[in-house]
């Protein structure tokens, strides 16, 4: 039994370290701090709309380099924002991207992990289990939206970071804490639809979509 626990610990640690390769720090207005995930190697970042609300955005990459960023699309109702890193005429490096899971396959009791930068602690992890997935959850602050509800703690700085399944794949975007150990995330299938609806035509957005949808 101890060997199995140790093996599980090592596996989860490896999954988290792999996901951190695509985890960024987002600063808005020179003060607020949030998280985001790299969805395309050219510098497409997905996060919460409220993380970007103050403007004057800067993205810190996992290696420590800091670059300005601009909002390509945002929806405050869905609390989703898509950013593009401005490499300021430098050659765009190929960035490590997050692996996507399927939020529609999630079920109550499954393990999930939330990554972010709570209270300024970079790359911190919170672990829990799925409570419920779907629209109009009783835990949700407003109706008419789909959510992933999980029994874990989200803190300021977790917002916009990835909610990972037990295989280390992104299944949601951490968004809000609504009660003791109840966190809500935007399901990844909602984010995919947002990308398709808002960035579904033209280049380079079309090339971006082909790699993430």
Protein backbone atom coordinates (compact mmCIF):
# COMPACT_ATOMS: atom_id res chain seq x y z
CA UNK A 1 0.00 0.00 0.00
CA UNK A 2 2.81 2.44 0.88
CA UNK A 3 4.46 1.74 -2.48
CA UNK A 4 1.19 2.54 -4.26
CA UNK A 5 0.79 5.80 -2.36
CA UNK A 6 4.36 6.80 -3.13
CA UNK A 7 3.86 5.96 -6.79
CA UNK A 8 0.67 8.06 -6.88
CA UNK A 9 2.45 10.98 -5.21
CA UNK A 10 5.24 10.88 -7.77
CA UNK A 11 2.79 10.64 -10.66
CA UNK A 12 0.71 13.60 -9.46
CA UNK A 13 3.86 15.62 -8.90
CA UNK A 14 5.01 14.95 -12.45
CA UNK A 15 1.61 15.95 -13.85
CA UNK A 16 1.70 19.24 -11.94
CA UNK A 17 5.26 20.03 -13.01
CA UNK A 18 4.33 19.37 -16.64
CA UNK A 19 1.29 21.67 -16.41
CA UNK A 20 3.42 24.42 -14.83
CA UNK A 21 5.41 24.61 -18.07
CA UNK A 22 2.41 26.38 -19.64
CA UNK A 23 1.31 28.35 -16.54
CA UNK A 24 1.86 32.11 -16.70
CA UNK A 25 1.55 35.05 -14.31
CA UNK A 26 -0.71 37.88 -15.49
CA UNK A 27 -0.43 41.36 -13.97
CA UNK A 28 -3.14 43.89 -14.67
CA UNK A 29 -2.88 47.59 -13.96
CA UNK A 30 0.52 47.07 -12.37
CA UNK A 31 -1.14 45.66 -9.24
CA UNK A 32 -3.49 42.72 -9.67
CA UNK A 33 -2.06 39.25 -10.20
CA UNK A 34 -3.74 36.27 -11.80
CA UNK A 35 -2.90 33.16 -13.78
CA UNK A 36 -3.34 31.93 -17.32
CA UNK A 37 -2.50 28.99 -19.55
CA UNK A 38 -0.63 28.95 -22.86
CA UNK A 39 -3.00 27.49 -25.45
CA UNK A 40 -0.86 28.07 -28.53
CA UNK A 41 2.89 28.08 -29.00
CA UNK A 42 2.77 31.54 -30.61
CA UNK A 43 1.63 33.13 -27.34
CA UNK A 44 -2.16 32.75 -27.06
CA UNK A 45 -3.15 32.88 -23.38
CA UNK A 46 -6.55 32.00 -21.88
CA UNK A 47 -7.59 33.40 -18.49
CA UNK A 48 -10.55 35.05 -16.71
CA UNK A 49 -11.94 38.36 -17.94
CA UNK A 50 -11.79 39.79 -14.41
CA UNK A 51 -8.03 39.11 -14.31
CA UNK A 52 -7.56 41.55 -17.21
CA UNK A 53 -10.03 44.22 -16.07
CA UNK A 54 -7.46 46.87 -15.10
CA UNK A 55 -5.66 46.80 -18.46
CA UNK A 56 -1.93 47.51 -18.88
CA UNK A 57 -1.29 43.77 -19.05
CA UNK A 58 2.00 41.98 -18.54
CA UNK A 59 2.60 38.23 -18.84
CA UNK A 60 5.45 36.48 -17.05
CA UNK A 61 6.41 33.25 -18.79
CA UNK A 62 7.55 30.17 -16.84
CA UNK A 63 11.18 31.00 -17.62
CA UNK A 64 10.79 34.43 -16.01
CA UNK A 65 10.68 36.63 -19.13
CA UNK A 66 8.05 39.38 -18.93
CA UNK A 67 6.18 40.69 -21.98
CA UNK A 68 3.29 43.08 -22.56
CA UNK A 69 0.04 41.52 -23.74
CA UNK A 70 -3.20 42.63 -25.33
CA UNK A 71 -6.75 41.28 -25.15
CA UNK A 72 -7.93 39.58 -28.36
CA UNK A 73 -11.40 38.74 -27.03
CA UNK A 74 -13.21 39.02 -23.71
CA UNK A 75 -16.62 38.21 -22.23
CA UNK A 76 -17.38 39.44 -18.73
CA UNK A 77 -20.55 37.31 -18.46
CA UNK A 78 -18.64 34.10 -19.17
CA UNK A 79 -15.55 35.52 -17.40
CA UNK A 80 -13.25 34.42 -20.22
CA UNK A 81 -10.48 36.44 -21.85
CA UNK A 82 -7.99 35.54 -24.58
CA UNK A 83 -4.66 37.35 -24.62
CA UNK A 84 -1.89 37.65 -27.14
CA UNK A 85 1.69 38.21 -25.97
CA UNK A 86 3.49 41.11 -27.63
CA UNK A 87 7.07 39.99 -28.19
CA UNK A 88 7.95 43.52 -29.39
CA UNK A 89 9.42 42.60 -32.77
CA UNK A 90 11.41 39.71 -31.29
CA UNK A 91 11.11 36.33 -32.95
CA UNK A 92 8.24 34.46 -31.33
CA UNK A 93 9.59 31.47 -29.44
CA UNK A 94 7.68 28.17 -29.50
CA UNK A 95 5.99 28.09 -26.10
CA UNK A 96 4.89 24.94 -24.22
CA UNK A 97 1.12 24.52 -24.35
CA UNK A 98 -1.39 23.03 -21.92
CA UNK A 99 -2.98 19.70 -22.78
CA UNK A 100 -6.76 19.85 -22.95
CA UNK A 101 -9.18 17.40 -21.37
CA UNK A 102 -12.95 16.98 -21.69
CA UNK A 103 -15.06 18.72 -19.05
CA UNK A 104 -18.15 16.86 -20.27
CA UNK A 105 -16.64 13.59 -19.02
CA UNK A 106 -16.16 14.84 -15.45
CA UNK A 107 -18.18 13.18 -12.69
CA UNK A 108 -18.67 13.74 -8.98
CA UNK A 109 -15.86 12.31 -6.86
CA UNK A 110 -13.10 12.55 -9.47
CA UNK A 111 -9.83 14.14 -8.40
CA UNK A 112 -8.91 17.60 -9.75
CA UNK A 113 -6.10 20.07 -9.10
CA UNK A 114 -6.17 23.88 -9.34
CA UNK A 115 -2.97 25.70 -10.30
CA UNK A 116 -2.30 29.40 -9.89
CA UNK A 117 -0.52 32.01 -7.83
CA UNK A 118 -2.66 32.39 -4.67
CA UNK A 119 -1.67 35.40 -2.59
CA UNK A 120 1.46 35.76 -4.72
CA UNK A 121 2.76 32.20 -4.20
CA UNK A 122 3.70 31.23 -7.75
CA UNK A 123 2.66 27.84 -9.09
CA UNK A 124 0.77 26.72 -5.99
CA UNK A 125 -1.53 23.70 -6.17
CA UNK A 126 -4.88 23.02 -4.50
CA UNK A 127 -6.38 19.53 -4.72
CA UNK A 128 -9.93 18.27 -4.28
CA UNK A 129 -12.75 16.37 -5.94
CA UNK A 130 -15.54 17.23 -8.35
CA UNK A 131 -18.83 18.14 -6.69
CA UNK A 132 -20.98 18.70 -9.75
CA UNK A 133 -20.75 19.80 -13.39
CA UNK A 134 -23.39 21.55 -15.47
CA UNK A 135 -25.66 24.60 -15.76
CA UNK A 136 -27.50 26.37 -12.94
CA UNK A 137 -25.65 24.69 -10.08
CA UNK A 138 -27.00 25.53 -6.62
CA UNK A 139 -23.48 26.59 -5.60
CA UNK A 140 -23.21 29.10 -8.47
CA UNK A 141 -23.70 32.86 -7.88
CA UNK A 142 -25.84 33.27 -11.00
CA UNK A 143 -27.94 31.10 -13.28
CA UNK A 144 -27.73 30.47 -16.98
CA UNK A 145 -24.06 29.44 -16.95
CA UNK A 146 -22.22 26.16 -16.98
CA UNK A 147 -19.74 25.47 -14.20
CA UNK A 148 -17.41 22.89 -12.78
CA UNK A 149 -17.85 22.87 -8.99
CA UNK A 150 -15.05 21.26 -6.96
CA UNK A 151 -14.33 20.74 -3.30
CA UNK A 152 -11.08 22.71 -3.07
CA UNK A 153 -9.80 26.13 -2.06
CA UNK A 154 -9.30 28.94 -4.57
CA UNK A 155 -7.59 32.12 -3.42
CA UNK A 156 -6.84 35.49 -5.06
CA UNK A 157 -4.24 34.64 -7.69
CA UNK A 158 -5.77 31.27 -8.60
CA UNK A 159 -8.13 33.07 -10.99
CA UNK A 160 -7.50 32.26 -14.64
CA UNK A 161 -5.31 29.26 -13.87
CA UNK A 162 -6.00 25.72 -15.05
CA UNK A 163 -8.18 23.17 -13.29
CA UNK A 164 -6.55 19.82 -14.10
CA UNK A 165 -8.02 16.34 -14.18
CA UNK A 166 -6.24 13.28 -12.81
CA UNK A 167 -4.26 13.01 -16.05
CA UNK A 168 -2.97 16.57 -15.84
CA UNK A 169 -5.21 17.92 -18.60
CA UNK A 170 -7.00 21.27 -18.44
CA UNK A 171 -10.72 20.77 -17.82
CA UNK A 172 -11.62 24.24 -16.55
CA UNK A 173 -10.48 27.79 -15.82
CA UNK A 174 -10.39 28.59 -12.08
CA UNK A 175 -12.80 31.46 -11.44
CA UNK A 176 -14.36 32.00 -8.02
CA UNK A 177 -14.76 30.68 -4.48
CA UNK A 178 -18.42 30.46 -3.42
CA UNK A 179 -18.23 28.82 -0.02
CA UNK A 180 -15.97 26.91 2.36
CA UNK A 181 -13.93 24.61 0.10
CA UNK A 182 -16.21 25.13 -2.91
CA UNK A 183 -14.52 26.53 -6.00
CA UNK A 184 -16.04 27.12 -9.42
CA UNK A 185 -14.32 26.90 -12.80
CA UNK A 186 -15.43 27.65 -16.36
CA UNK A 187 -15.61 24.28 -18.19
CA UNK A 188 -13.09 23.84 -20.98
CA UNK A 189 -15.82 23.04 -23.52
CA UNK A 190 -17.33 26.48 -22.84
CA UNK A 191 -13.92 28.07 -23.45
CA UNK A 192 -13.52 26.14 -26.71
CA UNK A 193 -16.88 27.39 -27.96
CA UNK A 194 -15.93 30.94 -26.99
CA UNK A 195 -12.72 30.66 -29.01
CA UNK A 196 -14.58 29.29 -32.00
CA UNK A 197 -17.26 31.97 -31.85
CA UNK A 198 -14.92 34.91 -31.31
CA UNK A 199 -11.76 33.88 -33.15
CA UNK A 200 -13.16 31.54 -35.76
CA UNK A 201 -12.17 33.43 -38.90
CA UNK A 202 -9.03 34.95 -40.33
CA UNK A 203 -5.36 34.50 -39.50
CA UNK A 204 -3.52 33.92 -37.24
CA UNK A 205 -6.62 33.06 -35.23
CA UNK A 206 -7.71 30.28 -37.60
CA UNK A 207 -4.35 28.57 -37.25
CA UNK A 208 -4.62 28.93 -33.48
CA UNK A 209 -8.06 27.37 -33.42
CA UNK A 210 -6.99 24.35 -35.48
CA UNK A 211 -4.53 23.43 -32.75
CA UNK A 212 -6.80 23.85 -29.72
CA UNK A 213 -10.30 22.81 -30.79
